[in-house]
Amino acid sequence: MRSNLGLLLGAALFATIPMSASAQSSEEPVQTVEDSSDSPQIEFSANIGIVSDYRFRGLSLSNRNPAIQGGFDISMDNGLFVGTWASSVSDTGGSNAEVDIYGGYSGSAAGLDYTVTAIAYVYPGGTGVNYYEFTAAAEKTVGAASVGILVGYVPDQTNFPGDNLYISGTAGYAIPDTPISLTARLGREASAVSKKWDWEAGISYDHGPFSTSLSYVDSDAGGPAQSGRLGQSGVVASLIASF
């Protein structure tokens, strides 16, 4: 969900399940069983990569150090999907790993592509840090350009007192006849304990199963020295392989 769990390194493995069959009798001509091609087909994909800094909504979760990331997804042509994604992180409640487990639905309506997702953020071995979030995203593509919006809502829960709302807008442009794309994002987070803006602008290059990117990331996060430092501006490089 990070990016597009995303949501970091990428890889994609595709498999489809045949949804039609035929029956044959030794006494009768071959007869075709009713086509069941309307049954959902399943697609598997995976990704793995490395980032110079794991940034989540403007803040570094790897203490501004490199992180290893990867995930696995199962999607169906009826729009349903489930998946998991993991990253190394700096000490979070005694854990040095984040594992996102998610599921949702994606589709199209009125010229918009949309996705709704439920995500559990799990920190194995950590204490008092696991939480869950609901997100909804929509995107409109016109030619080589796209614009989108994402809304994330974390309800009040044991490890996340007070609810949290995050809204971001995105824009992208795929340069025609090239493997290069430009992206930009602006986000606003508001909760009882955190209010901040974050933004980024980047360029990516796709070549076969590999994607590389370079982004400038910043925020206006303040507070104690450590949290303020993790939200300061930085340049993030990534290499992702998808199968």
C-alpha atoms as a PDB file:
ATOM      1  CA  MET A   1       0.000   0.000   0.000  1.00  0.00           C
ATOM      2  CA  ARG A   2       3.764   1.554  -0.307  1.00  0.00           C
ATOM      3  CA  SER A   3       3.730   1.837  -2.188  1.00  0.00           C
ATOM      4  CA  ASN A   4       1.179   1.192  -3.254  1.00  0.00           C
ATOM      5  CA  LEU A   5       3.134  -2.317   2.625  1.00  0.00           C
ATOM      6  CA  GLY A   6       4.196  -0.146  -2.794  1.00  0.00           C
ATOM      7  CA  LEU A   7       3.754   1.566  -1.554  1.00  0.00           C
ATOM      8  CA  LEU A   8      11.693   0.013  -0.953  1.00  0.00           C
ATOM      9  CA  LEU A   9      13.574  -3.685  -5.290  1.00  0.00           C
ATOM     10  CA  GLY A  10      10.916  -5.212  -7.378  1.00  0.00           C
ATOM     11  CA  ALA A  11       9.867  -8.495  -9.120  1.00  0.00           C
ATOM     12  CA  ALA A  12       6.707 -10.030 -10.730  1.00  0.00           C
ATOM     13  CA  LEU A  13       5.825 -13.658 -11.335  1.00  0.00           C
ATOM     14  CA  PHE A  14       2.653 -14.271 -13.297  1.00  0.00           C
ATOM     15  CA  ALA A  15       0.498 -17.426 -13.343  1.00  0.00           C
ATOM     16  CA  THR A  16      -3.017 -17.982 -14.596  1.00  0.00           C
ATOM     17  CA  ILE A  17      -5.402 -20.803 -13.800  1.00  0.00           C
ATOM     18  CA  PRO A  18      -7.336 -22.246 -16.754  1.00  0.00           C
ATOM     19  CA  MET A  19     -11.027 -21.817 -16.223  1.00  0.00           C
ATOM     20  CA  SER A  20     -12.471 -23.991 -19.010  1.00  0.00           C
ATOM     21  CA  ALA A  21     -12.675 -27.763 -19.481  1.00  0.00           C
ATOM     22  CA  SER A  22     -14.044 -30.422 -21.849  1.00  0.00           C
ATOM     23  CA  ALA A  23     -15.455 -33.927 -21.296  1.00  0.00           C
ATOM     24  CA  GLN A  24     -15.120 -36.962 -23.601  1.00  0.00           C
ATOM     25  CA  SER A  25     -17.036 -40.248 -23.573  1.00  0.00           C
ATOM     26  CA  SER A  26     -15.884 -43.486 -25.266  1.00  0.00           C
ATOM     27  CA  GLU A  27     -19.414 -43.967 -26.617  1.00  0.00           C
ATOM     28  CA  GLU A  28     -20.250 -40.444 -27.739  1.00  0.00           C
ATOM     29  CA  PRO A  29     -18.532 -37.688 -29.723  1.00  0.00           C
ATOM     30  CA  VAL A  30     -16.498 -35.167 -27.773  1.00  0.00           C
ATOM     31  CA  GLN A  31     -18.772 -32.756 -25.949  1.00  0.00           C
ATOM     32  CA  THR A  32     -17.745 -29.376 -24.636  1.00  0.00           C
ATOM     33  CA  VAL A  33     -18.542 -28.626 -21.022  1.00  0.00           C
ATOM     34  CA  GLU A  34     -19.984 -25.175 -20.401  1.00  0.00           C
ATOM     35  CA  ASP A  35     -17.211 -22.592 -20.460  1.00  0.00           C
ATOM     36  CA  SER A  36     -16.396 -21.316 -16.993  1.00  0.00           C
ATOM     37  CA  SER A  37     -14.078 -18.547 -18.155  1.00  0.00           C
ATOM     38  CA  ASP A  38     -16.070 -16.118 -16.037  1.00  0.00           C
ATOM     39  CA  SER A  39     -14.446 -17.637 -12.935  1.00  0.00           C
ATOM     40  CA  PRO A  40     -11.734 -15.454 -11.393  1.00  0.00           C
ATOM     41  CA  GLN A  41      -8.240 -15.877 -12.766  1.00  0.00           C
ATOM     42  CA  ILE A  42      -5.349 -15.517 -10.322  1.00  0.00           C
ATOM     43  CA  GLU A  43      -2.111 -13.610 -10.829  1.00  0.00           C
ATOM     44  CA  PHE A  44       0.976 -13.855  -8.635  1.00  0.00           C
ATOM     45  CA  SER A  45       3.667 -11.194  -8.428  1.00  0.00           C
ATOM     46  CA  ALA A  46       6.692 -10.488  -6.272  1.00  0.00           C
ATOM     47  CA  ASN A  47       9.267  -7.756  -5.817  1.00  0.00           C
ATOM     48  CA  ILE A  48      12.550  -7.224  -4.022  1.00  0.00           C
ATOM     49  CA  GLY A  49      14.942  -4.308  -3.816  1.00  0.00           C
ATOM     50  CA  ILE A  50      16.954  -1.825  -1.833  1.00  0.00           C
ATOM     51  CA  VAL A  51      16.450   1.846  -0.972  1.00  0.00           C
ATOM     52  CA  SER A  52      18.988   4.323   0.351  1.00  0.00           C
ATOM     53  CA  ASP A  53      16.442   5.466   2.982  1.00  0.00           C
ATOM     54  CA  TYR A  54      13.025   4.003   3.829  1.00  0.00           C
ATOM     55  CA  ARG A  55      10.727   7.033   3.840  1.00  0.00           C
ATOM     56  CA  PHE A  56       7.062   6.678   4.795  1.00  0.00           C
ATOM     57  CA  ARG A  57       5.013   9.814   4.224  1.00  0.00           C
ATOM     58  CA  GLY A  58       8.086  11.996   4.525  1.00  0.00           C
ATOM     59  CA  LEU A  59       9.631  10.393   7.622  1.00  0.00           C
ATOM     60  CA  SER A  60      12.577   8.000   7.651  1.00  0.00           C
ATOM     61  CA  LEU A  61      11.766   4.660   9.278  1.00  0.00           C
ATOM     62  CA  SER A  62      15.316   3.359   8.753  1.00  0.00           C
ATOM     63  CA  ASN A  63      17.117   6.152  10.639  1.00  0.00           C
ATOM     64  CA  ARG A  64      18.166   7.611   7.265  1.00  0.00           C
ATOM     65  CA  ASN A  65      20.040   4.392   6.441  1.00  0.00           C
ATOM     66  CA  PRO A  66      19.562   1.909   3.557  1.00  0.00           C
ATOM     67  CA  ALA A  67      16.805  -0.698   3.818  1.00  0.00           C
ATOM     68  CA  ILE A  68      16.081  -4.045   2.173  1.00  0.00           C
ATOM     69  CA  GLN A  69      12.475  -4.488   1.039  1.00  0.00           C
ATOM     70  CA  GLY A  70      10.299  -7.007  -0.764  1.00  0.00           C
ATOM     71  CA  GLY A  71       6.790  -8.323  -1.123  1.00  0.00           C
ATOM     72  CA  PHE A  72       4.419 -10.856  -2.633  1.00  0.00           C
ATOM     73  CA  ASP A  73       0.923 -10.292  -4.046  1.00  0.00           C
ATOM     74  CA  ILE A  74      -2.005 -12.392  -5.201  1.00  0.00           C
ATOM     75  CA  SER A  75      -4.648 -10.656  -7.311  1.00  0.00           C
ATOM     76  CA  MET A  76      -7.753 -11.829  -9.134  1.00  0.00           C
ATOM     77  CA  ASP A  77      -9.349 -10.420 -12.250  1.00  0.00           C
ATOM     78  CA  ASN A  78     -12.516  -9.701 -10.243  1.00  0.00           C
ATOM     79  CA  GLY A  79     -10.588  -6.959  -8.434  1.00  0.00           C
ATOM     80  CA  LEU A  80      -9.819  -8.697  -5.127  1.00  0.00           C
ATOM     81  CA  PHE A  81      -6.219  -8.883  -3.917  1.00  0.00           C
ATOM     82  CA  VAL A  82      -4.136  -9.855  -0.877  1.00  0.00           C
ATOM     83  CA  GLY A  83      -0.442  -9.464  -0.215  1.00  0.00           C
ATOM     84  CA  THR A  84       2.405  -8.880   2.147  1.00  0.00           C
ATOM     85  CA  TRP A  85       5.391  -6.541   2.067  1.00  0.00           C
ATOM     86  CA  ALA A  86       8.367  -6.205   4.418  1.00  0.00           C
ATOM     87  CA  SER A  87      11.228  -3.803   5.080  1.00  0.00           C
ATOM     88  CA  SER A  88      14.112  -3.482   7.466  1.00  0.00           C
ATOM     89  CA  VAL A  89      13.597  -0.547   9.866  1.00  0.00           C
ATOM     90  CA  SER A  90      15.427   1.123  12.730  1.00  0.00           C
ATOM     91  CA  ASP A  91      14.546  -0.070  16.237  1.00  0.00           C
ATOM     92  CA  THR A  92      10.759   0.133  16.579  1.00  0.00           C
ATOM     93  CA  GLY A  93       9.572  -1.113  19.956  1.00  0.00           C
ATOM     94  CA  GLY A  94      12.378  -3.645  19.937  1.00  0.00           C
ATOM     95  CA  SER A  95      11.820  -4.752  16.326  1.00  0.00           C
ATOM     96  CA  ASN A  96      14.020  -4.139  13.292  1.00  0.00           C
ATOM     97  CA  ALA A  97      11.510  -5.262  10.684  1.00  0.00           C
ATOM     98  CA  GLU A  98       8.160  -4.060   9.402  1.00  0.00           C
ATOM     99  CA  VAL A  99       5.737  -6.536   7.828  1.00  0.00           C
ATOM    100  CA  ASP A 100       2.618  -5.198   6.107  1.00  0.00           C
ATOM    101  CA  ILE A 101      -0.286  -7.597   5.552  1.00  0.00           C
ATOM    102  CA  TYR A 102      -3.086  -6.266   3.377  1.00  0.00           C
ATOM    103  CA  GLY A 103      -6.108  -7.044   1.272  1.00  0.00           C
ATOM    104  CA  GLY A 104      -8.605  -5.071  -0.719  1.00  0.00           C
ATOM    105  CA  TYR A 105     -10.445  -4.411  -3.942  1.00  0.00           C
ATOM    106  CA  SER A 106      -9.578  -2.411  -7.058  1.00  0.00           C
ATOM    107  CA  GLY A 107     -11.709  -1.418 -10.003  1.00  0.00           C
ATOM    108  CA  SER A 108     -12.712   1.367 -12.390  1.00  0.00           C
ATOM    109  CA  ALA A 109     -15.708   3.690 -12.512  1.00  0.00           C
ATOM    110  CA  ALA A 110     -16.491   6.960 -14.274  1.00  0.00           C
ATOM    111  CA  GLY A 111     -13.025   7.024 -15.843  1.00  0.00           C
ATOM    112  CA  LEU A 112     -11.270   6.591 -12.491  1.00  0.00           C
ATOM    113  CA  ASP A 113      -9.172   3.671 -11.282  1.00  0.00           C
ATOM    114  CA  TYR A 114      -9.750   3.121  -7.567  1.00  0.00           C
ATOM    115  CA  THR A 115      -8.477   0.891  -4.764  1.00  0.00           C
ATOM    116  CA  VAL A 116      -9.667   0.312  -1.197  1.00  0.00           C
ATOM    117  CA  THR A 117      -7.344  -1.493   1.211  1.00  0.00           C
ATOM    118  CA  ALA A 118      -7.108  -2.683   4.802  1.00  0.00           C
ATOM    119  CA  ILE A 119      -3.513  -2.861   6.073  1.00  0.00           C
ATOM    120  CA  ALA A 120      -1.968  -4.314   9.246  1.00  0.00           C
ATOM    121  CA  TYR A 121       1.477  -2.932  10.125  1.00  0.00           C
ATOM    122  CA  VAL A 122       3.280  -5.605  12.140  1.00  0.00           C
ATOM    123  CA  TYR A 123       6.691  -5.283  13.813  1.00  0.00           C
ATOM    124  CA  PRO A 124       7.807  -8.832  14.746  1.00  0.00           C
ATOM    125  CA  GLY A 125       9.199  -8.996  18.268  1.00  0.00           C
ATOM    126  CA  GLY A 126       8.207  -5.402  18.967  1.00  0.00           C
ATOM    127  CA  THR A 127       6.142  -4.231  21.919  1.00  0.00           C
ATOM    128  CA  GLY A 128       3.158  -1.899  21.622  1.00  0.00           C
ATOM    129  CA  VAL A 129       3.783  -0.898  18.005  1.00  0.00           C
ATOM    130  CA  ASN A 130       1.470  -2.973  15.759  1.00  0.00           C
ATOM    131  CA  TYR A 131      -1.511  -1.124  14.270  1.00  0.00           C
ATOM    132  CA  TYR A 132      -3.904  -1.150  11.307  1.00  0.00           C
ATOM    133  CA  GLU A 133      -5.121   1.370   8.726  1.00  0.00           C
ATOM    134  CA  PHE A 134      -7.757   1.728   5.998  1.00  0.00           C
ATOM    135  CA  THR A 135      -6.911   3.483   2.730  1.00  0.00           C
ATOM    136  CA  ALA A 136      -8.805   4.555  -0.391  1.00  0.00           C
ATOM    137  CA  ALA A 137      -7.125   5.790  -3.561  1.00  0.00           C
ATOM    138  CA  ALA A 138      -8.321   7.016  -6.965  1.00  0.00           C
ATOM    139  CA  GLU A 139      -6.379   7.902 -10.096  1.00  0.00           C
ATOM    140  CA  LYS A 140      -7.223   9.464 -13.446  1.00  0.00           C
ATOM    141  CA  THR A 141      -4.978   8.940 -16.476  1.00  0.00           C
ATOM    142  CA  VAL A 142      -5.103  11.143 -19.572  1.00  0.00           C
ATOM    143  CA  GLY A 143      -2.556  10.204 -22.196  1.00  0.00           C
ATOM    144  CA  ALA A 144       0.884  10.171 -20.601  1.00  0.00           C
ATOM    145  CA  ALA A 145      -0.233  12.137 -17.530  1.00  0.00           C
ATOM    146  CA  SER A 146      -1.979  11.008 -14.367  1.00  0.00           C
ATOM    147  CA  VAL A 147      -3.321  12.564 -11.176  1.00  0.00           C
ATOM    148  CA  GLY A 148      -4.449  10.807  -8.030  1.00  0.00           C
ATOM    149  CA  ILE A 149      -5.537  11.117  -4.428  1.00  0.00           C
ATOM    150  CA  LEU A 150      -5.063   8.836  -1.416  1.00  0.00           C
ATOM    151  CA  VAL A 151      -6.846   8.965   1.929  1.00  0.00           C
ATOM    152  CA  GLY A 152      -5.532   6.911   4.854  1.00  0.00           C
ATOM    153  CA  TYR A 153      -7.407   6.560   8.142  1.00  0.00           C
ATOM    154  CA  VAL A 154      -6.022   4.992  11.334  1.00  0.00           C
ATOM    155  CA  PRO A 155      -8.806   4.573  13.908  1.00  0.00           C
ATOM    156  CA  ASP A 156      -8.227   4.858  17.641  1.00  0.00           C
ATOM    157  CA  GLN A 157      -6.661   1.581  18.866  1.00  0.00           C
ATOM    158  CA  THR A 158      -4.461   0.152  21.608  1.00  0.00           C
ATOM    159  CA  ASN A 159      -1.128   1.024  20.011  1.00  0.00           C
ATOM    160  CA  PHE A 160      -2.367   4.170  18.258  1.00  0.00           C
ATOM    161  CA  PRO A 161      -4.310   6.401  20.665  1.00  0.00           C
ATOM    162  CA  GLY A 162      -6.517   8.900  18.851  1.00  0.00           C
ATOM    163  CA  ASP A 163      -7.407   8.568  15.187  1.00  0.00           C
ATOM    164  CA  ASN A 164      -5.146   9.750  12.371  1.00  0.00           C
ATOM    165  CA  LEU A 165      -6.031  11.075   8.908  1.00  0.00           C
ATOM    166  CA  TYR A 166      -3.590  11.279   6.009  1.00  0.00           C
ATOM    167  CA  ILE A 167      -4.445  12.779   2.601  1.00  0.00           C
ATOM    168  CA  SER A 168      -2.068  13.048  -0.347  1.00  0.00           C
ATOM    169  CA  GLY A 169      -2.276  14.156  -3.959  1.00  0.00           C
ATOM    170  CA  THR A 170      -0.040  12.777  -6.695  1.00  0.00           C
ATOM    171  CA  ALA A 171       0.848  13.649 -10.266  1.00  0.00           C
ATOM    172  CA  GLY A 172       2.828  11.695 -12.811  1.00  0.00           C
ATOM    173  CA  TYR A 173       4.018  11.979 -16.367  1.00  0.00           C
ATOM    174  CA  ALA A 174       5.477   9.176 -18.494  1.00  0.00           C
ATOM    175  CA  ILE A 175       7.743  10.775 -21.103  1.00  0.00           C
ATOM    176  CA  PRO A 176       6.538   9.406 -24.474  1.00  0.00           C
ATOM    177  CA  ASP A 177       8.758   6.877 -26.245  1.00  0.00           C
ATOM    178  CA  THR A 178      11.090   6.618 -23.242  1.00  0.00           C
ATOM    179  CA  PRO A 179      11.253   4.413 -20.105  1.00  0.00           C
ATOM    180  CA  ILE A 180      11.388   7.574 -17.962  1.00  0.00           C
ATOM    181  CA  SER A 181       8.608   8.858 -15.702  1.00  0.00           C
ATOM    182  CA  LEU A 182       8.315  11.940 -13.511  1.00  0.00           C
ATOM    183  CA  THR A 183       6.331  11.957 -10.253  1.00  0.00           C
ATOM    184  CA  ALA A 184       5.314  14.422  -7.543  1.00  0.00           C
ATOM    185  CA  ARG A 185       3.386  14.096  -4.288  1.00  0.00           C
ATOM    186  CA  LEU A 186       2.085  16.376  -1.530  1.00  0.00           C
ATOM    187  CA  GLY A 187       0.650  14.967   1.694  1.00  0.00           C
ATOM    188  CA  ARG A 188      -0.995  16.251   4.870  1.00  0.00           C
ATOM    189  CA  GLU A 189      -1.220  14.308   8.138  1.00  0.00           C
ATOM    190  CA  ALA A 190      -3.422  15.326  11.062  1.00  0.00           C
ATOM    191  CA  SER A 191      -3.957  13.598  14.400  1.00  0.00           C
ATOM    192  CA  ALA A 192      -4.037  14.432  18.083  1.00  0.00           C
ATOM    193  CA  VAL A 193      -0.251  14.020  18.288  1.00  0.00           C
ATOM    194  CA  SER A 194       1.012  14.836  14.791  1.00  0.00           C
ATOM    195  CA  LYS A 195       0.314  17.527  12.233  1.00  0.00           C
ATOM    196  CA  LYS A 196       2.660  17.830   9.279  1.00  0.00           C
ATOM    197  CA  TRP A 197       3.055  18.338   5.556  1.00  0.00           C
ATOM    198  CA  ASP A 198       5.352  16.193   3.427  1.00  0.00           C
ATOM    199  CA  TRP A 199       6.269  16.314  -0.231  1.00  0.00           C
ATOM    200  CA  GLU A 200       8.504  14.684  -2.807  1.00  0.00           C
ATOM    201  CA  ALA A 201       9.465  14.851  -6.460  1.00  0.00           C
ATOM    202  CA  GLY A 202      11.246  12.156  -8.393  1.00  0.00           C
ATOM    203  CA  ILE A 203      12.272  10.495 -11.622  1.00  0.00           C
ATOM    204  CA  SER A 204      12.207   6.783 -12.424  1.00  0.00           C
ATOM    205  CA  TYR A 205      13.629   4.579 -15.164  1.00  0.00           C
ATOM    206  CA  ASP A 206      12.136   1.186 -16.065  1.00  0.00           C
ATOM    207  CA  HIS A 207      14.139  -1.457 -17.900  1.00  0.00           C
ATOM    208  CA  GLY A 208      12.652  -4.921 -18.138  1.00  0.00           C
ATOM    209  CA  PRO A 209      11.978  -6.264 -14.647  1.00  0.00           C
ATOM    210  CA  PHE A 210      14.132  -3.553 -13.067  1.00  0.00           C
ATOM    211  CA  SER A 211      13.128  -0.068 -11.977  1.00  0.00           C
ATOM    212  CA  THR A 212      15.417   2.604 -10.579  1.00  0.00           C
ATOM    213  CA  SER A 213      14.358   5.914  -9.103  1.00  0.00           C
ATOM    214  CA  LEU A 214      15.754   9.053  -7.515  1.00  0.00           C
ATOM    215  CA  SER A 215      13.546  11.295  -5.361  1.00  0.00           C
ATOM    216  CA  TYR A 216      13.837  14.427  -3.264  1.00  0.00           C
ATOM    217  CA  VAL A 217      11.802  14.010  -0.044  1.00  0.00           C
ATOM    218  CA  ASP A 218      11.053  16.604   2.636  1.00  0.00           C
ATOM    219  CA  SER A 219       8.572  17.529   5.380  1.00  0.00           C
ATOM    220  CA  ASP A 220       7.898  20.209   7.938  1.00  0.00           C
ATOM    221  CA  ALA A 221       8.004  17.702  10.821  1.00  0.00           C
ATOM    222  CA  GLY A 222       9.465  19.197  13.983  1.00  0.00           C
ATOM    223  CA  GLY A 223       9.538  18.192  17.611  1.00  0.00           C
ATOM    224  CA  PRO A 224      12.394  16.504  19.486  1.00  0.00           C
ATOM    225  CA  ALA A 225      15.763  16.390  17.778  1.00  0.00           C
ATOM    226  CA  GLN A 226      15.421  12.763  16.633  1.00  0.00           C
ATOM    227  CA  SER A 227      11.928  12.995  15.120  1.00  0.00           C
ATOM    228  CA  GLY A 228      12.808  16.316  13.515  1.00  0.00           C
ATOM    229  CA  ARG A 229      15.937  14.821  11.982  1.00  0.00           C
ATOM    230  CA  LEU A 230      14.016  11.895  10.487  1.00  0.00           C
ATOM    231  CA  GLY A 231      11.737  14.315   8.639  1.00  0.00           C
ATOM    232  CA  GLN A 232      14.447  16.529   7.205  1.00  0.00           C
ATOM    233  CA  SER A 233      15.034  16.765   3.472  1.00  0.00           C
ATOM    234  CA  GLY A 234      16.936  14.027   1.714  1.00  0.00           C
ATOM    235  CA  VAL A 235      17.536  12.308  -1.609  1.00  0.00           C
ATOM    236  CA  VAL A 236      16.338   8.702  -1.838  1.00  0.00           C
ATOM    237  CA  ALA A 237      17.587   6.235  -4.452  1.00  0.00           C
ATOM    238  CA  SER A 238      16.006   2.855  -5.102  1.00  0.00           C
ATOM    239  CA  LEU A 239      16.523  -0.254  -7.207  1.00  0.00           C
ATOM    240  CA  ILE A 240      13.594  -2.666  -7.505  1.00  0.00           C
ATOM    241  CA  ALA A 241      13.185  -5.934  -9.384  1.00  0.00           C
ATOM    242  CA  SER A 242       9.718  -7.306 -10.159  1.00  0.00           C
ATOM    243  CA  PHE A 243       8.805 -10.852 -11.149  1.00  0.00           C
END
